[in-house]
N, C-alpha and C. Protein backbone atom coordinates (compact mmCIF):
# COMPACT_ATOMS: atom_id res chain seq x y z
N MET A 1 97.48 8.14 91.10
CA MET A 1 96.66 7.08 90.58
C MET A 1 95.51 7.69 89.79
N SER A 2 95.42 7.32 88.55
CA SER A 2 94.37 7.89 87.73
C SER A 2 93.41 6.80 87.28
N LEU A 3 92.15 7.17 87.19
CA LEU A 3 91.12 6.23 86.75
C LEU A 3 91.00 6.29 85.23
N SER A 4 90.87 5.17 84.63
CA SER A 4 90.66 5.14 83.18
C SER A 4 89.25 5.63 82.86
N ARG A 5 89.01 5.88 81.61
CA ARG A 5 87.65 6.28 81.21
C ARG A 5 86.65 5.19 81.54
N PHE A 6 87.05 3.93 81.38
CA PHE A 6 86.18 2.81 81.70
C PHE A 6 85.84 2.82 83.19
N GLY A 7 86.87 3.02 84.02
CA GLY A 7 86.68 3.06 85.46
C GLY A 7 85.79 4.22 85.88
N LEU A 8 85.95 5.37 85.24
CA LEU A 8 85.09 6.53 85.53
C LEU A 8 83.64 6.24 85.13
N GLY A 9 83.46 5.53 84.02
CA GLY A 9 82.11 5.17 83.58
C GLY A 9 81.42 4.26 84.58
N ILE A 10 82.15 3.26 85.07
CA ILE A 10 81.59 2.34 86.07
C ILE A 10 81.23 3.12 87.34
N LEU A 11 82.14 3.98 87.79
CA LEU A 11 81.89 4.78 88.99
C LEU A 11 80.67 5.66 88.81
N ALA A 12 80.51 6.27 87.64
CA ALA A 12 79.36 7.13 87.37
C ALA A 12 78.06 6.32 87.41
N MET A 13 78.05 5.10 86.86
CA MET A 13 76.85 4.27 86.89
C MET A 13 76.49 3.86 88.32
N LEU A 14 77.47 3.52 89.12
CA LEU A 14 77.21 3.16 90.52
C LEU A 14 76.63 4.34 91.29
N LEU A 15 77.20 5.51 91.10
CA LEU A 15 76.68 6.70 91.77
C LEU A 15 75.26 7.02 91.31
N ALA A 16 74.98 6.83 90.03
CA ALA A 16 73.63 7.08 89.52
C ALA A 16 72.63 6.10 90.14
N ALA A 17 73.02 4.84 90.28
CA ALA A 17 72.12 3.84 90.89
C ALA A 17 71.83 4.19 92.33
N LEU A 18 72.82 4.70 93.05
CA LEU A 18 72.61 5.09 94.44
C LEU A 18 71.75 6.34 94.55
N ALA A 19 71.85 7.21 93.56
CA ALA A 19 71.08 8.46 93.58
C ALA A 19 69.62 8.24 93.23
N VAL A 20 69.30 7.13 92.58
CA VAL A 20 67.93 6.83 92.17
C VAL A 20 67.51 5.52 92.83
N PRO A 21 67.09 5.56 94.11
CA PRO A 21 66.78 4.32 94.82
C PRO A 21 65.65 3.51 94.21
N ALA A 22 64.70 4.16 93.52
CA ALA A 22 63.60 3.40 92.92
C ALA A 22 64.11 2.43 91.87
N VAL A 23 65.17 2.82 91.16
CA VAL A 23 65.75 1.94 90.16
C VAL A 23 66.55 0.86 90.85
N ALA A 24 67.31 1.24 91.84
CA ALA A 24 68.18 0.28 92.53
C ALA A 24 67.37 -0.74 93.32
N LEU A 25 66.19 -0.36 93.81
CA LEU A 25 65.39 -1.23 94.65
C LEU A 25 64.07 -1.61 93.99
N ALA A 26 64.06 -1.72 92.68
CA ALA A 26 62.82 -1.99 91.95
C ALA A 26 62.13 -3.25 92.45
N CYS A 27 60.84 -3.22 92.41
CA CYS A 27 60.01 -4.32 92.88
C CYS A 27 59.90 -5.41 91.82
N ARG A 28 59.85 -6.62 92.28
CA ARG A 28 59.55 -7.76 91.42
C ARG A 28 58.57 -8.65 92.17
N CYS A 29 57.48 -8.98 91.49
CA CYS A 29 56.52 -9.89 92.11
C CYS A 29 55.85 -10.71 91.03
N ILE A 30 55.26 -11.78 91.42
CA ILE A 30 54.55 -12.67 90.50
C ILE A 30 53.12 -12.16 90.37
N TRP A 31 52.65 -12.03 89.14
CA TRP A 31 51.29 -11.58 88.86
C TRP A 31 50.30 -12.55 89.49
N ALA A 32 49.50 -12.07 90.42
CA ALA A 32 48.55 -12.92 91.14
C ALA A 32 47.26 -13.14 90.37
N GLY A 33 47.03 -12.35 89.34
CA GLY A 33 45.86 -12.58 88.50
C GLY A 33 44.88 -11.43 88.46
N PRO A 34 43.75 -11.67 87.78
CA PRO A 34 42.72 -10.64 87.62
C PRO A 34 41.95 -10.41 88.92
N PHE A 35 41.10 -9.41 88.90
CA PHE A 35 40.32 -9.04 90.07
C PHE A 35 39.54 -10.22 90.62
N THR A 36 38.94 -11.02 89.75
CA THR A 36 38.12 -12.14 90.23
C THR A 36 38.96 -13.22 90.92
N LYS A 37 40.25 -13.23 90.70
CA LYS A 37 41.11 -14.21 91.38
C LYS A 37 41.63 -13.67 92.70
N VAL A 38 41.90 -12.37 92.78
CA VAL A 38 42.57 -11.82 93.97
C VAL A 38 41.62 -11.19 94.99
N ALA A 39 40.49 -10.67 94.56
CA ALA A 39 39.65 -9.84 95.43
C ALA A 39 39.08 -10.58 96.63
N LEU A 40 38.63 -11.79 96.45
CA LEU A 40 37.96 -12.49 97.54
C LEU A 40 38.91 -12.93 98.65
N ALA A 41 40.21 -12.87 98.39
CA ALA A 41 41.20 -13.25 99.40
C ALA A 41 41.70 -12.04 100.19
N THR A 42 41.16 -10.86 99.93
CA THR A 42 41.60 -9.66 100.64
C THR A 42 40.69 -9.37 101.83
N GLU A 43 41.16 -8.49 102.72
CA GLU A 43 40.39 -8.15 103.92
C GLU A 43 39.20 -7.25 103.65
N LEU A 44 39.34 -6.37 102.65
CA LEU A 44 38.31 -5.36 102.44
C LEU A 44 38.14 -5.11 100.95
N VAL A 45 36.88 -5.08 100.50
CA VAL A 45 36.56 -4.71 99.12
C VAL A 45 35.57 -3.56 99.22
N VAL A 46 35.96 -2.41 98.65
CA VAL A 46 35.13 -1.21 98.74
C VAL A 46 35.04 -0.49 97.41
N ILE A 47 33.94 0.23 97.26
CA ILE A 47 33.87 1.26 96.23
C ILE A 47 34.22 2.54 96.97
N ALA A 48 35.19 3.27 96.43
CA ALA A 48 35.66 4.47 97.11
C ALA A 48 36.01 5.56 96.10
N GLU A 49 35.93 6.80 96.57
CA GLU A 49 36.30 7.97 95.76
C GLU A 49 37.57 8.58 96.32
N VAL A 50 38.53 8.81 95.44
CA VAL A 50 39.81 9.38 95.86
C VAL A 50 39.63 10.85 96.20
N ARG A 51 40.07 11.22 97.41
CA ARG A 51 39.94 12.60 97.89
C ARG A 51 41.25 13.38 97.86
N SER A 52 42.31 12.80 98.46
CA SER A 52 43.57 13.56 98.57
C SER A 52 44.74 12.60 98.69
N TYR A 53 45.95 13.17 98.52
CA TYR A 53 47.19 12.41 98.64
C TYR A 53 48.01 12.95 99.79
N GLU A 54 48.73 12.07 100.46
CA GLU A 54 49.74 12.48 101.43
C GLU A 54 50.91 11.52 101.28
N ARG A 55 52.05 12.06 100.88
CA ARG A 55 53.23 11.24 100.56
C ARG A 55 52.82 10.15 99.57
N HIS A 56 53.01 8.89 99.92
CA HIS A 56 52.63 7.81 99.00
C HIS A 56 51.33 7.12 99.45
N GLY A 57 50.50 7.89 100.13
CA GLY A 57 49.19 7.40 100.54
C GLY A 57 48.10 8.26 99.97
N MET A 58 46.89 7.74 99.97
CA MET A 58 45.74 8.53 99.53
C MET A 58 44.59 8.30 100.50
N ASP A 59 43.85 9.36 100.73
CA ASP A 59 42.64 9.26 101.54
C ASP A 59 41.48 9.11 100.58
N VAL A 60 40.64 8.12 100.86
CA VAL A 60 39.49 7.86 100.00
C VAL A 60 38.22 7.86 100.84
N ALA A 61 37.14 8.33 100.23
CA ALA A 61 35.82 8.29 100.87
C ALA A 61 35.19 6.95 100.51
N VAL A 62 34.82 6.19 101.53
CA VAL A 62 34.18 4.90 101.30
C VAL A 62 32.74 5.15 100.87
N VAL A 63 32.42 4.73 99.67
CA VAL A 63 31.08 4.87 99.13
C VAL A 63 30.24 3.67 99.53
N GLU A 64 30.86 2.47 99.45
CA GLU A 64 30.13 1.23 99.77
C GLU A 64 31.13 0.14 100.12
N VAL A 65 30.85 -0.58 101.20
CA VAL A 65 31.66 -1.75 101.58
C VAL A 65 30.99 -2.98 100.97
N LEU A 66 31.72 -3.70 100.13
CA LEU A 66 31.18 -4.88 99.47
C LEU A 66 31.66 -6.18 100.11
N GLY A 67 32.82 -6.13 100.74
CA GLY A 67 33.37 -7.31 101.39
C GLY A 67 34.22 -6.90 102.57
N GLY A 68 34.15 -7.64 103.67
CA GLY A 68 34.89 -7.27 104.88
C GLY A 68 34.09 -6.29 105.70
N GLU A 69 34.78 -5.70 106.69
CA GLU A 69 34.12 -4.74 107.58
C GLU A 69 34.96 -3.49 107.72
N GLU A 70 34.32 -2.35 107.55
CA GLU A 70 34.96 -1.05 107.76
C GLU A 70 33.86 -0.04 108.01
N GLY A 71 33.89 0.57 109.19
CA GLY A 71 32.85 1.52 109.57
C GLY A 71 33.20 2.97 109.31
N ARG A 72 34.46 3.26 109.03
CA ARG A 72 34.86 4.66 108.80
C ARG A 72 34.44 5.12 107.41
N ARG A 73 34.15 6.39 107.30
CA ARG A 73 33.77 6.97 106.02
C ARG A 73 34.97 7.33 105.16
N THR A 74 36.12 7.54 105.79
CA THR A 74 37.35 7.84 105.07
C THR A 74 38.44 6.90 105.56
N ILE A 75 39.18 6.32 104.62
CA ILE A 75 40.29 5.45 104.97
C ILE A 75 41.54 5.88 104.20
N ARG A 76 42.68 5.51 104.72
CA ARG A 76 43.95 5.78 104.02
C ARG A 76 44.43 4.49 103.37
N ILE A 77 44.83 4.62 102.10
CA ILE A 77 45.39 3.51 101.33
C ILE A 77 46.81 3.90 100.94
N TRP A 78 47.77 3.04 101.26
CA TRP A 78 49.17 3.30 100.94
C TRP A 78 49.54 2.62 99.64
N GLY A 79 50.25 3.36 98.80
CA GLY A 79 50.74 2.85 97.53
C GLY A 79 52.26 2.75 97.56
N ASP A 80 52.86 2.87 96.40
CA ASP A 80 54.30 2.68 96.25
C ASP A 80 55.09 3.91 96.68
N ASP A 81 56.18 3.67 97.41
CA ASP A 81 57.10 4.74 97.78
C ASP A 81 58.33 4.73 96.89
N GLY A 82 58.31 3.90 95.86
CA GLY A 82 59.44 3.77 94.95
C GLY A 82 60.17 2.45 95.09
N ALA A 83 59.87 1.69 96.14
CA ALA A 83 60.55 0.42 96.37
C ALA A 83 59.60 -0.70 96.75
N LEU A 84 58.32 -0.47 96.65
CA LEU A 84 57.33 -1.48 97.04
C LEU A 84 56.60 -2.01 95.81
N CYS A 85 55.99 -3.14 95.93
CA CYS A 85 55.21 -3.73 94.82
C CYS A 85 53.77 -3.23 94.90
N ARG A 86 53.62 -1.94 94.73
CA ARG A 86 52.31 -1.31 94.80
C ARG A 86 52.21 -0.26 93.70
N PRO A 87 51.00 0.09 93.30
CA PRO A 87 50.86 1.19 92.33
C PRO A 87 51.10 2.53 93.03
N TYR A 88 51.57 3.51 92.26
CA TYR A 88 51.67 4.87 92.78
C TYR A 88 50.24 5.40 92.93
N VAL A 89 49.97 6.10 94.02
CA VAL A 89 48.60 6.57 94.26
C VAL A 89 48.14 7.57 93.21
N THR A 90 49.06 8.22 92.52
CA THR A 90 48.66 9.17 91.48
C THR A 90 48.04 8.47 90.28
N LEU A 91 48.10 7.14 90.23
CA LEU A 91 47.39 6.37 89.20
C LEU A 91 45.88 6.55 89.38
N PHE A 92 45.46 6.91 90.58
CA PHE A 92 44.06 7.07 90.93
C PHE A 92 43.77 8.57 91.12
N PRO A 93 43.35 9.28 90.07
CA PRO A 93 43.16 10.73 90.18
C PRO A 93 42.10 11.13 91.21
N ARG A 94 42.31 12.28 91.82
CA ARG A 94 41.33 12.82 92.77
C ARG A 94 39.97 12.93 92.07
N GLY A 95 38.92 12.58 92.82
CA GLY A 95 37.56 12.69 92.30
C GLY A 95 37.07 11.47 91.53
N THR A 96 37.96 10.49 91.28
CA THR A 96 37.54 9.29 90.56
C THR A 96 37.11 8.21 91.54
N ARG A 97 36.30 7.28 91.05
CA ARG A 97 35.80 6.18 91.88
C ARG A 97 36.42 4.87 91.42
N TRP A 98 36.69 4.01 92.40
CA TRP A 98 37.37 2.74 92.16
C TRP A 98 36.78 1.66 93.03
N LEU A 99 36.90 0.44 92.54
CA LEU A 99 36.61 -0.75 93.33
C LEU A 99 37.97 -1.26 93.77
N PHE A 100 38.24 -1.20 95.08
CA PHE A 100 39.54 -1.58 95.63
C PHE A 100 39.43 -2.87 96.43
N ALA A 101 40.40 -3.77 96.27
CA ALA A 101 40.55 -4.97 97.09
C ALA A 101 41.81 -4.74 97.92
N LEU A 102 41.67 -4.64 99.24
CA LEU A 102 42.74 -4.14 100.10
C LEU A 102 43.11 -5.09 101.23
N GLN A 103 44.34 -4.93 101.69
CA GLN A 103 44.84 -5.62 102.89
C GLN A 103 45.26 -4.54 103.90
N ARG A 104 45.29 -4.91 105.17
CA ARG A 104 45.79 -3.98 106.20
C ARG A 104 47.25 -3.66 105.92
N GLU A 105 47.63 -2.45 106.21
CA GLU A 105 49.00 -1.98 106.03
C GLU A 105 49.85 -2.37 107.21
N GLY A 106 50.98 -2.99 106.95
CA GLY A 106 51.97 -3.26 108.00
C GLY A 106 51.48 -4.16 109.11
N ALA A 107 51.81 -3.77 110.34
CA ALA A 107 51.54 -4.59 111.53
C ALA A 107 50.04 -4.74 111.78
N SER A 108 49.70 -5.85 112.42
CA SER A 108 48.30 -6.06 112.75
C SER A 108 47.85 -4.96 113.70
N GLY A 109 46.63 -4.58 113.59
CA GLY A 109 46.10 -3.49 114.39
C GLY A 109 46.16 -2.15 113.66
N SER A 110 46.81 -2.10 112.51
CA SER A 110 46.87 -0.87 111.73
C SER A 110 45.48 -0.54 111.23
N ARG A 111 45.16 0.74 111.19
CA ARG A 111 43.86 1.17 110.67
C ARG A 111 43.94 1.52 109.19
N ASP A 112 45.16 1.56 108.66
CA ASP A 112 45.36 1.89 107.24
C ASP A 112 45.39 0.62 106.40
N TYR A 113 45.24 0.82 105.10
CA TYR A 113 45.26 -0.28 104.14
C TYR A 113 46.36 -0.07 103.12
N ALA A 114 46.71 -1.14 102.42
CA ALA A 114 47.68 -1.08 101.33
C ALA A 114 47.06 -1.75 100.11
N ILE A 115 47.47 -1.29 98.94
CA ILE A 115 47.00 -1.90 97.70
C ILE A 115 48.19 -2.52 96.98
N SER A 116 48.03 -3.75 96.60
CA SER A 116 49.11 -4.48 95.93
C SER A 116 49.14 -4.17 94.44
N GLY A 117 50.33 -4.18 93.88
CA GLY A 117 50.49 -4.05 92.44
C GLY A 117 50.77 -5.38 91.78
N CYS A 118 50.69 -6.46 92.56
CA CYS A 118 51.02 -7.80 92.07
C CYS A 118 49.79 -8.54 91.59
N GLY A 119 48.86 -7.84 91.04
CA GLY A 119 47.62 -8.40 90.53
C GLY A 119 46.65 -7.25 90.29
N ALA A 120 45.46 -7.56 89.81
CA ALA A 120 44.44 -6.55 89.54
C ALA A 120 43.62 -6.32 90.80
N PHE A 121 44.14 -5.53 91.72
CA PHE A 121 43.49 -5.26 92.99
C PHE A 121 42.60 -4.01 92.93
N TRP A 122 42.34 -3.51 91.74
CA TRP A 122 41.47 -2.36 91.58
C TRP A 122 40.80 -2.40 90.22
N LEU A 123 39.60 -1.85 90.17
CA LEU A 123 38.86 -1.66 88.93
C LEU A 123 38.34 -0.24 88.93
N GLU A 124 38.38 0.40 87.79
CA GLU A 124 37.86 1.76 87.67
C GLU A 124 36.34 1.70 87.58
N ILE A 125 35.68 2.65 88.22
CA ILE A 125 34.22 2.75 88.14
C ILE A 125 33.90 3.90 87.19
N ARG A 126 33.18 3.59 86.11
CA ARG A 126 32.70 4.61 85.17
C ARG A 126 31.21 4.44 85.03
N GLY A 127 30.46 5.39 85.56
CA GLY A 127 29.01 5.28 85.54
C GLY A 127 28.58 4.07 86.35
N ASN A 128 27.90 3.13 85.70
CA ASN A 128 27.46 1.91 86.40
C ASN A 128 28.26 0.69 85.96
N ARG A 129 29.53 0.91 85.52
CA ARG A 129 30.38 -0.17 85.03
C ARG A 129 31.69 -0.22 85.82
N ALA A 130 32.20 -1.43 86.03
CA ALA A 130 33.54 -1.65 86.59
C ALA A 130 34.43 -2.05 85.41
N ILE A 131 35.61 -1.42 85.32
CA ILE A 131 36.48 -1.59 84.16
C ILE A 131 37.89 -1.94 84.61
N GLY A 132 38.47 -2.94 83.95
CA GLY A 132 39.86 -3.31 84.24
C GLY A 132 40.12 -4.76 83.92
N HIS A 133 41.09 -5.34 84.59
CA HIS A 133 41.42 -6.77 84.44
C HIS A 133 40.48 -7.56 85.36
N ILE A 134 39.34 -7.92 84.85
CA ILE A 134 38.31 -8.57 85.66
C ILE A 134 38.51 -10.09 85.69
N THR A 135 38.60 -10.71 84.51
CA THR A 135 38.79 -12.17 84.44
C THR A 135 39.99 -12.57 83.59
N VAL A 136 40.49 -11.66 82.77
CA VAL A 136 41.60 -11.97 81.86
C VAL A 136 42.84 -12.28 82.69
N THR A 137 43.44 -13.42 82.45
CA THR A 137 44.55 -13.87 83.30
C THR A 137 45.90 -13.30 82.93
N ASP A 138 46.08 -12.78 81.70
CA ASP A 138 47.39 -12.20 81.37
C ASP A 138 47.47 -10.77 81.86
N ARG A 139 48.68 -10.30 82.01
CA ARG A 139 48.92 -8.96 82.55
C ARG A 139 48.94 -7.90 81.47
N GLY A 140 48.58 -8.26 80.26
CA GLY A 140 48.65 -7.35 79.13
C GLY A 140 47.67 -6.20 79.20
N THR A 141 47.38 -5.64 78.04
CA THR A 141 46.55 -4.44 77.97
C THR A 141 45.06 -4.73 77.84
N THR A 142 44.69 -6.01 77.71
CA THR A 142 43.27 -6.36 77.57
C THR A 142 42.50 -5.96 78.82
N ARG A 143 41.45 -5.16 78.61
CA ARG A 143 40.61 -4.76 79.73
C ARG A 143 39.17 -5.15 79.42
N GLU A 144 38.41 -5.31 80.49
CA GLU A 144 37.02 -5.73 80.36
C GLU A 144 36.12 -4.76 81.13
N SER A 145 34.83 -4.91 80.88
CA SER A 145 33.82 -4.09 81.55
C SER A 145 32.69 -5.00 82.01
N VAL A 146 32.19 -4.75 83.21
CA VAL A 146 31.06 -5.50 83.73
C VAL A 146 30.17 -4.52 84.51
N SER A 147 28.89 -4.79 84.55
CA SER A 147 28.01 -3.88 85.29
C SER A 147 28.37 -3.93 86.78
N LEU A 148 28.20 -2.80 87.42
CA LEU A 148 28.48 -2.72 88.85
C LEU A 148 27.52 -3.61 89.63
N ALA A 149 26.30 -3.75 89.17
CA ALA A 149 25.33 -4.64 89.84
C ALA A 149 25.82 -6.09 89.79
N GLU A 150 26.35 -6.53 88.64
CA GLU A 150 26.89 -7.89 88.54
C GLU A 150 28.09 -8.07 89.47
N MET A 151 28.96 -7.07 89.51
CA MET A 151 30.15 -7.17 90.35
C MET A 151 29.77 -7.20 91.83
N ARG A 152 28.81 -6.37 92.23
CA ARG A 152 28.32 -6.41 93.62
C ARG A 152 27.81 -7.80 93.98
N ALA A 153 26.98 -8.36 93.10
CA ALA A 153 26.40 -9.69 93.35
C ALA A 153 27.50 -10.74 93.41
N TRP A 154 28.49 -10.65 92.54
CA TRP A 154 29.58 -11.62 92.53
C TRP A 154 30.37 -11.57 93.84
N ILE A 155 30.70 -10.37 94.31
CA ILE A 155 31.46 -10.22 95.56
C ILE A 155 30.64 -10.71 96.74
N ARG A 156 29.40 -10.29 96.82
CA ARG A 156 28.55 -10.66 97.97
C ARG A 156 28.23 -12.15 98.01
N SER A 157 28.31 -12.82 96.86
CA SER A 157 28.07 -14.27 96.83
C SER A 157 29.37 -15.07 96.95
N SER A 158 30.46 -14.38 97.27
CA SER A 158 31.79 -15.01 97.35
C SER A 158 32.18 -15.70 96.06
N GLY A 159 31.80 -15.11 94.94
CA GLY A 159 32.19 -15.63 93.63
C GLY A 159 31.25 -16.65 93.04
N ALA A 160 30.13 -16.93 93.70
CA ALA A 160 29.20 -17.94 93.21
C ALA A 160 28.31 -17.42 92.08
N THR A 161 28.02 -16.14 92.09
CA THR A 161 27.18 -15.55 91.05
C THR A 161 28.02 -15.35 89.79
N PRO A 162 27.54 -15.80 88.64
CA PRO A 162 28.35 -15.66 87.42
C PRO A 162 28.49 -14.20 86.97
N LEU A 163 29.61 -13.92 86.32
CA LEU A 163 29.87 -12.62 85.74
C LEU A 163 29.89 -12.76 84.23
N ASP A 164 29.51 -11.71 83.53
CA ASP A 164 29.57 -11.70 82.06
C ASP A 164 30.32 -10.45 81.60
N PRO A 165 31.66 -10.42 81.85
CA PRO A 165 32.41 -9.24 81.43
C PRO A 165 32.54 -9.14 79.92
N GLN A 166 32.51 -7.91 79.43
CA GLN A 166 32.63 -7.64 77.99
C GLN A 166 33.99 -7.02 77.72
N PRO A 167 34.70 -7.48 76.67
CA PRO A 167 35.99 -6.86 76.33
C PRO A 167 35.79 -5.41 75.92
N LEU A 168 36.73 -4.56 76.31
CA LEU A 168 36.69 -3.17 75.88
C LEU A 168 37.38 -3.07 74.53
N ARG A 169 36.88 -2.24 73.68
CA ARG A 169 37.48 -2.06 72.36
C ARG A 169 38.20 -0.76 72.28
């Protein structure tokens, strides 16, 4: 019994899909929106500095807790393992600071957190500015900038304090 070239091609594609699980198990989720839409519904909002990576997790130094409660100075945030709807932790380079909106990882009682990729659950901190998808509702490349003082006030007021984000050029 011999396989035709067509049959061999199909077999090769199936084997390739099995060999690359990230492709076979790709994530699909509905965009939940910009930071101002998703952040206040999360358990923890922190300014943190990325310290190190372990597998698909990263350890971050908590610089400031803006929402929720967390007493530890270092927390672990889990990202994508190739099949989850999360960003890869390497998107956040060591030594950089971020504003993260986080949920507990897995089962209740976990001390670790997870970051979703199904919305703008993070903003980059550059100097005294927060940068990213702050209010823009589309998932495109449009990014905005707002002062960190404004963002702190907005989070601490549960969204009651107005924000004036500026488009990045």
